[in-house]
Amino acid sequence: MPPSRPVSITIPSIEVASDLEQLGLGENRAMETPKDPAKAGWYRPGATPGAIGPSVIAGHVTWDGSPAVFFELTELEPGDRIEVRRADGRTAEFTVDRTATYPKDDFPTVEVYRNLDHAGLRLITCGGDYSEDDSRYADNVVVYASLTGHQPR
């Protein structure tokens, strides 16, 4: 699919429907996180969903102790469907390949963001143990998905 900015994401199996914020690089050259805990965000330096390469969409798992947009992301299983509506009116359809959990201190940046020869999608949220002292989770959860179709305008 030609590049086009994503505008929303739908994950039917976990009842996620969210407009997308645009995310860039923040402090320490790390990806920004969405400002609204009810919305996911697309990492705009990356590929657009449906175009060749890894498109990255991130969302919070909790916010102030309450479930946020990607609270149930770890429930996704291989074969589950993810739809990303784009500004050009098309919807990119992805199928989950696998889910992995990584310690934040040992995040596999190259594996997640490396160039691909196909259209891929990475959904990222926090996971693992939560530290009240540091106000952060120990891990990141990454869902890997591949483009399996699209709906025309």
C-alpha atoms as a PDB file:
ATOM      1  CA  MET A   1       0.000   0.000   0.000  1.00  0.00           C
ATOM      2  CA  PRO A   2       1.265   3.518  -0.636  1.00  0.00           C
ATOM      3  CA  PRO A   3       2.132   5.572   2.460  1.00  0.00           C
ATOM      4  CA  SER A   4      -0.775   7.276   4.226  1.00  0.00           C
ATOM      5  CA  ARG A   5      -1.038   8.577   7.789  1.00  0.00           C
ATOM      6  CA  PRO A   6      -3.029   6.291  10.101  1.00  0.00           C
ATOM      7  CA  VAL A   7      -6.041   7.801  11.853  1.00  0.00           C
ATOM      8  CA  SER A   8      -7.473   4.980  13.989  1.00  0.00           C
ATOM      9  CA  ILE A   9      -6.930   1.406  15.180  1.00  0.00           C
ATOM     10  CA  THR A  10      -9.475  -1.321  15.894  1.00  0.00           C
ATOM     11  CA  ILE A  11      -8.683  -4.633  17.602  1.00  0.00           C
ATOM     12  CA  PRO A  12     -11.979  -6.568  17.756  1.00  0.00           C
ATOM     13  CA  SER A  13     -10.847  -9.465  19.978  1.00  0.00           C
ATOM     14  CA  ILE A  14      -9.965  -7.120  22.874  1.00  0.00           C
ATOM     15  CA  GLU A  15     -12.571  -4.450  22.046  1.00  0.00           C
ATOM     16  CA  VAL A  16     -10.096  -1.662  21.260  1.00  0.00           C
ATOM     17  CA  ALA A  17     -11.227   1.230  19.077  1.00  0.00           C
ATOM     18  CA  SER A  18      -9.026   4.313  19.232  1.00  0.00           C
ATOM     19  CA  ASP A  19      -8.197   7.394  17.241  1.00  0.00           C
ATOM     20  CA  LEU A  20      -4.434   7.762  16.900  1.00  0.00           C
ATOM     21  CA  GLU A  21      -2.184  10.505  18.216  1.00  0.00           C
ATOM     22  CA  GLN A  22       1.093  11.176  16.406  1.00  0.00           C
ATOM     23  CA  LEU A  23       4.233  10.325  18.383  1.00  0.00           C
ATOM     24  CA  GLY A  24       7.783  11.460  17.786  1.00  0.00           C
ATOM     25  CA  LEU A  25      11.056  11.268  19.672  1.00  0.00           C
ATOM     26  CA  GLY A  26      11.111  12.619  23.196  1.00  0.00           C
ATOM     27  CA  GLU A  27      13.779  12.904  25.843  1.00  0.00           C
ATOM     28  CA  ASN A  28      16.812  10.658  25.451  1.00  0.00           C
ATOM     29  CA  ARG A  29      15.708  10.009  21.846  1.00  0.00           C
ATOM     30  CA  ALA A  30      13.079   7.579  23.116  1.00  0.00           C
ATOM     31  CA  MET A  31       9.666   7.273  21.497  1.00  0.00           C
ATOM     32  CA  GLU A  32       7.059   9.572  23.031  1.00  0.00           C
ATOM     33  CA  THR A  33       4.036   8.013  24.691  1.00  0.00           C
ATOM     34  CA  PRO A  34       0.440   9.088  24.025  1.00  0.00           C
ATOM     35  CA  LYS A  35      -0.811  12.036  26.069  1.00  0.00           C
ATOM     36  CA  ASP A  36      -4.331  10.583  26.336  1.00  0.00           C
ATOM     37  CA  PRO A  37      -4.441   7.166  28.089  1.00  0.00           C
ATOM     38  CA  ALA A  38      -7.613   6.285  26.155  1.00  0.00           C
ATOM     39  CA  LYS A  39      -5.820   6.695  22.796  1.00  0.00           C
ATOM     40  CA  ALA A  40      -2.999   4.857  21.077  1.00  0.00           C
ATOM     41  CA  GLY A  41      -0.353   6.715  19.093  1.00  0.00           C
ATOM     42  CA  TRP A  42       1.477   6.103  15.820  1.00  0.00           C
ATOM     43  CA  TYR A  43       5.246   6.593  15.805  1.00  0.00           C
ATOM     44  CA  ARG A  44       5.491   8.976  12.838  1.00  0.00           C
ATOM     45  CA  PRO A  45       9.197   8.556  11.981  1.00  0.00           C
ATOM     46  CA  GLY A  46       8.370   4.931  11.091  1.00  0.00           C
ATOM     47  CA  ALA A  47       6.472   3.386   8.203  1.00  0.00           C
ATOM     48  CA  THR A  48       2.779   4.081   7.793  1.00  0.00           C
ATOM     49  CA  PRO A  49       0.552   1.031   8.374  1.00  0.00           C
ATOM     50  CA  GLY A  50       0.301  -0.983   5.173  1.00  0.00           C
ATOM     51  CA  ALA A  51       3.514   0.395   3.639  1.00  0.00           C
ATOM     52  CA  ILE A  52       6.709  -1.673   3.545  1.00  0.00           C
ATOM     53  CA  GLY A  53       8.491  -1.641   6.900  1.00  0.00           C
ATOM     54  CA  PRO A  54       7.595  -1.787  10.566  1.00  0.00           C
ATOM     55  CA  SER A  55       4.795   0.566  11.589  1.00  0.00           C
ATOM     56  CA  VAL A  56       4.741   1.163  15.351  1.00  0.00           C
ATOM     57  CA  ILE A  57       1.672   1.993  17.439  1.00  0.00           C
ATOM     58  CA  ALA A  58       2.019   2.460  21.197  1.00  0.00           C
ATOM     59  CA  GLY A  59      -0.474   2.821  24.012  1.00  0.00           C
ATOM     60  CA  HIS A  60      -0.618   2.865  27.793  1.00  0.00           C
ATOM     61  CA  VAL A  61      -1.557  -0.264  29.743  1.00  0.00           C
ATOM     62  CA  THR A  62      -2.768   1.668  32.808  1.00  0.00           C
ATOM     63  CA  TRP A  63      -3.047   5.291  33.877  1.00  0.00           C
ATOM     64  CA  ASP A  64      -3.298   6.328  37.521  1.00  0.00           C
ATOM     65  CA  GLY A  65      -4.129   2.717  38.380  1.00  0.00           C
ATOM     66  CA  SER A  66      -6.985   2.396  35.887  1.00  0.00           C
ATOM     67  CA  PRO A  67      -6.984   0.339  32.669  1.00  0.00           C
ATOM     68  CA  ALA A  68      -5.881   2.274  29.578  1.00  0.00           C
ATOM     69  CA  VAL A  69      -6.253   1.640  25.816  1.00  0.00           C
ATOM     70  CA  PHE A  70      -3.825  -1.335  25.602  1.00  0.00           C
ATOM     71  CA  PHE A  71      -4.749  -2.890  28.966  1.00  0.00           C
ATOM     72  CA  GLU A  72      -5.586  -6.254  27.383  1.00  0.00           C
ATOM     73  CA  LEU A  73      -2.851  -6.286  24.714  1.00  0.00           C
ATOM     74  CA  THR A  74      -1.246  -9.398  26.240  1.00  0.00           C
ATOM     75  CA  GLU A  75      -4.485 -11.281  25.475  1.00  0.00           C
ATOM     76  CA  LEU A  76      -3.853 -11.115  21.716  1.00  0.00           C
ATOM     77  CA  GLU A  77      -3.102 -14.452  20.106  1.00  0.00           C
ATOM     78  CA  PRO A  78      -1.671 -15.468  16.728  1.00  0.00           C
ATOM     79  CA  GLY A  79      -4.381 -15.088  14.104  1.00  0.00           C
ATOM     80  CA  ASP A  80      -6.182 -12.190  15.818  1.00  0.00           C
ATOM     81  CA  ARG A  81      -7.076  -9.283  13.514  1.00  0.00           C
ATOM     82  CA  ILE A  82      -5.976  -5.646  13.794  1.00  0.00           C
ATOM     83  CA  GLU A  83      -7.364  -2.937  11.517  1.00  0.00           C
ATOM     84  CA  VAL A  84      -5.781   0.462  10.952  1.00  0.00           C
ATOM     85  CA  ARG A  85      -7.836   3.096   9.129  1.00  0.00           C
ATOM     86  CA  ARG A  86      -5.710   5.513   7.122  1.00  0.00           C
ATOM     87  CA  ALA A  87      -6.126   9.112   5.946  1.00  0.00           C
ATOM     88  CA  ASP A  88      -6.487   7.914   2.328  1.00  0.00           C
ATOM     89  CA  GLY A  89      -9.718   6.109   3.301  1.00  0.00           C
ATOM     90  CA  ARG A  90      -8.220   2.620   3.104  1.00  0.00           C
ATOM     91  CA  THR A  91      -8.016   0.204   6.021  1.00  0.00           C
ATOM     92  CA  ALA A  92      -4.871  -1.901   6.463  1.00  0.00           C
ATOM     93  CA  GLU A  93      -5.692  -5.335   7.880  1.00  0.00           C
ATOM     94  CA  PHE A  94      -3.052  -7.098   9.970  1.00  0.00           C
ATOM     95  CA  THR A  95      -2.896 -10.537  11.551  1.00  0.00           C
ATOM     96  CA  VAL A  96      -1.053 -11.136  14.832  1.00  0.00           C
ATOM     97  CA  ASP A  97       2.040 -13.326  14.414  1.00  0.00           C
ATOM     98  CA  ARG A  98       3.230 -13.391  18.016  1.00  0.00           C
ATOM     99  CA  THR A  99       3.484 -11.471  21.285  1.00  0.00           C
ATOM    100  CA  ALA A 100       6.686 -11.049  23.281  1.00  0.00           C
ATOM    101  CA  THR A 101       7.611  -9.458  26.626  1.00  0.00           C
ATOM    102  CA  TYR A 102      11.016  -7.845  27.123  1.00  0.00           C
ATOM    103  CA  PRO A 103      12.694  -6.203  30.121  1.00  0.00           C
ATOM    104  CA  LYS A 104      12.803  -2.438  29.508  1.00  0.00           C
ATOM    105  CA  ASP A 105      16.500  -2.497  30.337  1.00  0.00           C
ATOM    106  CA  ASP A 106      17.089  -5.060  27.550  1.00  0.00           C
ATOM    107  CA  PHE A 107      14.622  -3.906  24.874  1.00  0.00           C
ATOM    108  CA  PRO A 108      15.453  -5.382  21.425  1.00  0.00           C
ATOM    109  CA  THR A 109      15.375  -2.110  19.485  1.00  0.00           C
ATOM    110  CA  VAL A 110      16.825  -3.627  16.316  1.00  0.00           C
ATOM    111  CA  GLU A 111      14.299  -6.496  16.244  1.00  0.00           C
ATOM    112  CA  VAL A 112      11.340  -4.166  16.759  1.00  0.00           C
ATOM    113  CA  TYR A 113      12.336  -1.292  14.464  1.00  0.00           C
ATOM    114  CA  ARG A 114      14.540  -2.975  11.825  1.00  0.00           C
ATOM    115  CA  ASN A 115      13.747  -2.729   8.132  1.00  0.00           C
ATOM    116  CA  LEU A 116      11.354  -5.341   6.785  1.00  0.00           C
ATOM    117  CA  ASP A 117      10.704  -6.617   3.265  1.00  0.00           C
ATOM    118  CA  HIS A 118       6.965  -6.561   3.984  1.00  0.00           C
ATOM    119  CA  ALA A 119       4.387  -4.394   5.758  1.00  0.00           C
ATOM    120  CA  GLY A 120       4.557  -5.119   9.477  1.00  0.00           C
ATOM    121  CA  LEU A 121       2.919  -3.698  12.563  1.00  0.00           C
ATOM    122  CA  ARG A 122       4.294  -3.488  16.098  1.00  0.00           C
ATOM    123  CA  LEU A 123       1.979  -2.683  18.998  1.00  0.00           C
ATOM    124  CA  ILE A 124       3.851  -1.665  22.150  1.00  0.00           C
ATOM    125  CA  THR A 125       2.757  -1.188  25.751  1.00  0.00           C
ATOM    126  CA  CYS A 126       4.153  -1.699  29.237  1.00  0.00           C
ATOM    127  CA  GLY A 127       3.919  -4.900  31.247  1.00  0.00           C
ATOM    128  CA  GLY A 128       5.397  -6.966  34.030  1.00  0.00           C
ATOM    129  CA  ASP A 129       5.772  -5.743  37.582  1.00  0.00           C
ATOM    130  CA  TYR A 130       4.886  -2.169  38.439  1.00  0.00           C
ATOM    131  CA  SER A 131       7.190  -0.234  40.764  1.00  0.00           C
ATOM    132  CA  GLU A 132       5.381   2.339  42.904  1.00  0.00           C
ATOM    133  CA  ASP A 133       8.767   3.871  43.803  1.00  0.00           C
ATOM    134  CA  ASP A 134       9.752   4.461  40.151  1.00  0.00           C
ATOM    135  CA  SER A 135       6.201   4.823  38.771  1.00  0.00           C
ATOM    136  CA  ARG A 136       7.054   2.469  35.923  1.00  0.00           C
ATOM    137  CA  TYR A 137       6.624  -1.066  34.667  1.00  0.00           C
ATOM    138  CA  ALA A 138       9.625  -3.379  34.396  1.00  0.00           C
ATOM    139  CA  ASP A 139       8.824  -4.688  30.913  1.00  0.00           C
ATOM    140  CA  ASN A 140       7.514  -3.838  27.462  1.00  0.00           C
ATOM    141  CA  VAL A 141       5.011  -5.983  25.612  1.00  0.00           C
ATOM    142  CA  VAL A 142       5.360  -6.092  21.813  1.00  0.00           C
ATOM    143  CA  VAL A 143       2.767  -7.581  19.484  1.00  0.00           C
ATOM    144  CA  TYR A 144       4.170  -8.460  16.045  1.00  0.00           C
ATOM    145  CA  ALA A 145       1.692  -8.523  13.155  1.00  0.00           C
ATOM    146  CA  SER A 146       1.833  -8.737   9.354  1.00  0.00           C
ATOM    147  CA  LEU A 147      -0.322  -7.125   6.677  1.00  0.00           C
ATOM    148  CA  THR A 148      -2.779  -9.706   5.364  1.00  0.00           C
ATOM    149  CA  GLY A 149      -5.201  -7.520   3.433  1.00  0.00           C
ATOM    150  CA  HIS A 150      -6.763  -4.129   2.973  1.00  0.00           C
ATOM    151  CA  GLN A 151     -10.125  -2.574   2.381  1.00  0.00           C
ATOM    152  CA  PRO A 152     -10.385  -0.059  -0.453  1.00  0.00           C
ATOM    153  CA  ARG A 153     -11.565   3.496   0.000  1.00  0.00           C
END
